[in-house]
Amino acid sequence: MSSNNSGRNRTLVPEARQGLNRLKTEVASEVGLNDYENQDKGNLTSRQNGSVGGYMVKHMIESYEQQL
C-alpha cells in the first residue's frame, strides 16, 4: 500500500498561512528555538519539532475557549 501525503501540511484557508507562520515563530521562541523560520527543520530533533506543533495546538485551543 502506498503512502499519500498530498493532504498533509496543506493550509485549508490560504489567507491564514501568514498568521499560522507568525504563531509558529512565536511558539518556537517560547520553547527556546530562536530563528526557527530560518533553521533547517531536519537538523532539529523530533521532540523539538513536536513541541512547536503541540504548543501551537494548545494556543489555538486556548484562544478558541476564550472566544466562547
N, C-alpha and C. Protein backbone atom coordinates (compact mmCIF):
# COMPACT_ATOMS: atom_id res chain seq x y z
N MET A 1 0.85 -1.17 0.00
CA MET A 1 0.00 0.00 0.00
C MET A 1 0.90 1.24 0.00
N SER A 2 0.64 2.14 -0.88
CA SER A 2 1.46 3.34 -0.97
C SER A 2 0.94 4.42 -0.04
N SER A 3 1.85 5.28 0.37
CA SER A 3 1.51 6.39 1.26
C SER A 3 1.20 7.62 0.42
N ASN A 4 0.12 8.30 0.75
CA ASN A 4 -0.26 9.50 0.02
C ASN A 4 -0.24 10.69 0.97
N ASN A 5 0.73 11.57 0.82
CA ASN A 5 0.87 12.72 1.69
C ASN A 5 0.33 13.99 1.06
N SER A 6 -0.45 13.90 0.01
CA SER A 6 -0.90 15.10 -0.69
C SER A 6 -1.78 15.99 0.18
N GLY A 7 -2.45 15.45 1.18
CA GLY A 7 -3.33 16.24 2.02
C GLY A 7 -2.66 16.77 3.28
N ARG A 8 -1.44 16.38 3.53
CA ARG A 8 -0.73 16.80 4.74
C ARG A 8 -0.08 18.15 4.55
N ASN A 9 -0.02 18.89 5.65
CA ASN A 9 0.64 20.20 5.66
C ASN A 9 0.06 21.15 4.62
N ARG A 10 -1.22 21.03 4.39
CA ARG A 10 -1.89 21.90 3.43
C ARG A 10 -2.78 22.85 4.21
N THR A 11 -2.61 24.13 4.00
CA THR A 11 -3.44 25.13 4.67
C THR A 11 -4.78 25.18 3.96
N LEU A 12 -5.84 24.89 4.72
CA LEU A 12 -7.18 24.86 4.12
C LEU A 12 -7.66 26.27 3.77
N VAL A 13 -7.24 27.26 4.54
CA VAL A 13 -7.60 28.65 4.27
C VAL A 13 -6.29 29.38 3.96
N PRO A 14 -5.97 29.57 2.68
CA PRO A 14 -4.69 30.17 2.31
C PRO A 14 -4.42 31.52 2.99
N GLU A 15 -5.47 32.27 3.27
CA GLU A 15 -5.29 33.57 3.91
C GLU A 15 -4.76 33.43 5.34
N ALA A 16 -4.87 32.25 5.93
CA ALA A 16 -4.44 32.03 7.30
C ALA A 16 -2.95 31.68 7.39
N ARG A 17 -2.32 31.43 6.27
CA ARG A 17 -0.92 30.98 6.27
C ARG A 17 0.00 31.94 7.02
N GLN A 18 -0.13 33.23 6.79
CA GLN A 18 0.73 34.22 7.44
C GLN A 18 0.54 34.18 8.95
N GLY A 19 -0.70 34.09 9.41
CA GLY A 19 -0.96 34.03 10.84
C GLY A 19 -0.41 32.76 11.46
N LEU A 20 -0.54 31.64 10.77
CA LEU A 20 0.00 30.38 11.27
C LEU A 20 1.53 30.43 11.36
N ASN A 21 2.16 31.03 10.37
CA ASN A 21 3.61 31.15 10.41
C ASN A 21 4.06 32.05 11.55
N ARG A 22 3.31 33.12 11.81
CA ARG A 22 3.63 34.02 12.92
C ARG A 22 3.48 33.28 14.25
N LEU A 23 2.39 32.51 14.40
CA LEU A 23 2.17 31.72 15.61
C LEU A 23 3.29 30.69 15.78
N LYS A 24 3.68 30.03 14.70
CA LYS A 24 4.75 29.03 14.76
C LYS A 24 6.05 29.66 15.26
N THR A 25 6.37 30.85 14.75
CA THR A 25 7.59 31.53 15.17
C THR A 25 7.53 31.93 16.64
N GLU A 26 6.37 32.45 17.08
CA GLU A 26 6.21 32.83 18.48
C GLU A 26 6.35 31.63 19.41
N VAL A 27 5.69 30.53 19.05
CA VAL A 27 5.74 29.32 19.87
C VAL A 27 7.15 28.76 19.90
N ALA A 28 7.83 28.73 18.78
CA ALA A 28 9.20 28.22 18.73
C ALA A 28 10.10 29.03 19.65
N SER A 29 9.90 30.34 19.67
CA SER A 29 10.68 31.19 20.55
C SER A 29 10.39 30.87 22.02
N GLU A 30 9.12 30.60 22.34
CA GLU A 30 8.73 30.25 23.70
C GLU A 30 9.39 28.97 24.18
N VAL A 31 9.59 28.01 23.28
CA VAL A 31 10.21 26.75 23.68
C VAL A 31 11.72 26.77 23.48
N GLY A 32 12.28 27.94 23.19
CA GLY A 32 13.72 28.10 23.13
C GLY A 32 14.36 27.89 21.76
N LEU A 33 13.58 27.90 20.70
CA LEU A 33 14.12 27.73 19.35
C LEU A 33 14.09 29.07 18.63
N ASN A 34 15.12 29.84 18.83
CA ASN A 34 15.19 31.16 18.20
C ASN A 34 15.56 31.03 16.72
N ASP A 35 15.12 31.98 15.91
CA ASP A 35 15.36 31.99 14.47
C ASP A 35 14.83 30.72 13.81
N TYR A 36 13.66 30.26 14.27
CA TYR A 36 13.08 29.00 13.81
C TYR A 36 12.77 29.00 12.32
N GLU A 37 12.28 30.14 11.79
CA GLU A 37 11.89 30.15 10.38
C GLU A 37 13.07 29.98 9.43
N ASN A 38 14.29 30.27 9.91
CA ASN A 38 15.46 30.15 9.05
C ASN A 38 16.27 28.88 9.32
N GLN A 39 15.81 28.06 10.26
CA GLN A 39 16.52 26.83 10.59
C GLN A 39 16.14 25.70 9.65
N ASP A 40 17.07 24.79 9.44
CA ASP A 40 16.79 23.56 8.71
C ASP A 40 16.09 22.63 9.69
N LYS A 41 14.79 22.41 9.49
CA LYS A 41 14.00 21.61 10.44
C LYS A 41 14.49 20.17 10.52
N GLY A 42 15.20 19.70 9.49
CA GLY A 42 15.76 18.35 9.51
C GLY A 42 16.88 18.19 10.51
N ASN A 43 17.47 19.30 10.94
CA ASN A 43 18.54 19.23 11.93
C ASN A 43 18.02 19.31 13.36
N LEU A 44 16.71 19.51 13.53
CA LEU A 44 16.12 19.55 14.85
C LEU A 44 15.64 18.16 15.23
N THR A 45 15.54 17.91 16.53
CA THR A 45 15.05 16.61 16.97
C THR A 45 13.54 16.53 16.79
N SER A 46 13.03 15.31 16.81
CA SER A 46 11.58 15.12 16.73
C SER A 46 10.90 15.80 17.91
N ARG A 47 11.52 15.75 19.05
CA ARG A 47 10.96 16.38 20.25
C ARG A 47 10.85 17.89 20.06
N GLN A 48 11.88 18.52 19.48
CA GLN A 48 11.83 19.97 19.26
C GLN A 48 10.73 20.34 18.27
N ASN A 49 10.69 19.66 17.14
CA ASN A 49 9.66 19.94 16.14
C ASN A 49 8.27 19.64 16.68
N GLY A 50 8.14 18.55 17.43
CA GLY A 50 6.86 18.19 18.00
C GLY A 50 6.38 19.17 19.05
N SER A 51 7.32 19.74 19.79
CA SER A 51 6.96 20.74 20.80
C SER A 51 6.33 21.96 20.16
N VAL A 52 6.88 22.38 19.05
CA VAL A 52 6.34 23.55 18.35
C VAL A 52 4.90 23.27 17.92
N GLY A 53 4.67 22.13 17.28
CA GLY A 53 3.32 21.79 16.83
C GLY A 53 2.36 21.61 17.98
N GLY A 54 2.81 20.95 19.04
CA GLY A 54 1.95 20.72 20.21
C GLY A 54 1.54 22.01 20.89
N TYR A 55 2.49 22.92 21.05
CA TYR A 55 2.17 24.19 21.70
C TYR A 55 1.31 25.07 20.79
N MET A 56 1.47 24.93 19.48
CA MET A 56 0.59 25.67 18.57
C MET A 56 -0.86 25.25 18.77
N VAL A 57 -1.08 23.94 18.85
CA VAL A 57 -2.43 23.43 19.06
C VAL A 57 -2.96 23.91 20.41
N LYS A 58 -2.12 23.87 21.44
CA LYS A 58 -2.53 24.32 22.76
C LYS A 58 -2.96 25.78 22.72
N HIS A 59 -2.19 26.63 22.05
CA HIS A 59 -2.52 28.06 21.93
C HIS A 59 -3.83 28.25 21.16
N MET A 60 -4.03 27.49 20.10
CA MET A 60 -5.26 27.63 19.31
C MET A 60 -6.48 27.20 20.12
N ILE A 61 -6.35 26.14 20.90
CA ILE A 61 -7.47 25.69 21.74
C ILE A 61 -7.78 26.72 22.81
N GLU A 62 -6.75 27.26 23.46
CA GLU A 62 -6.96 28.29 24.48
C GLU A 62 -7.64 29.52 23.89
N SER A 63 -7.22 29.91 22.71
CA SER A 63 -7.82 31.07 22.05
C SER A 63 -9.29 30.82 21.74
N TYR A 64 -9.59 29.62 21.25
CA TYR A 64 -10.97 29.28 20.93
C TYR A 64 -11.84 29.26 22.18
N GLU A 65 -11.32 28.68 23.26
CA GLU A 65 -12.08 28.62 24.51
C GLU A 65 -12.36 30.00 25.07
N GLN A 66 -11.43 30.94 24.90
CA GLN A 66 -11.65 32.31 25.37
C GLN A 66 -12.74 33.00 24.59
N GLN A 67 -12.91 32.62 23.33
CA GLN A 67 -13.93 33.24 22.48
C GLN A 67 -15.33 32.73 22.81
N LEU A 68 -15.43 31.59 23.47
CA LEU A 68 -16.75 31.01 23.80
C LEU A 68 -17.45 31.81 24.87
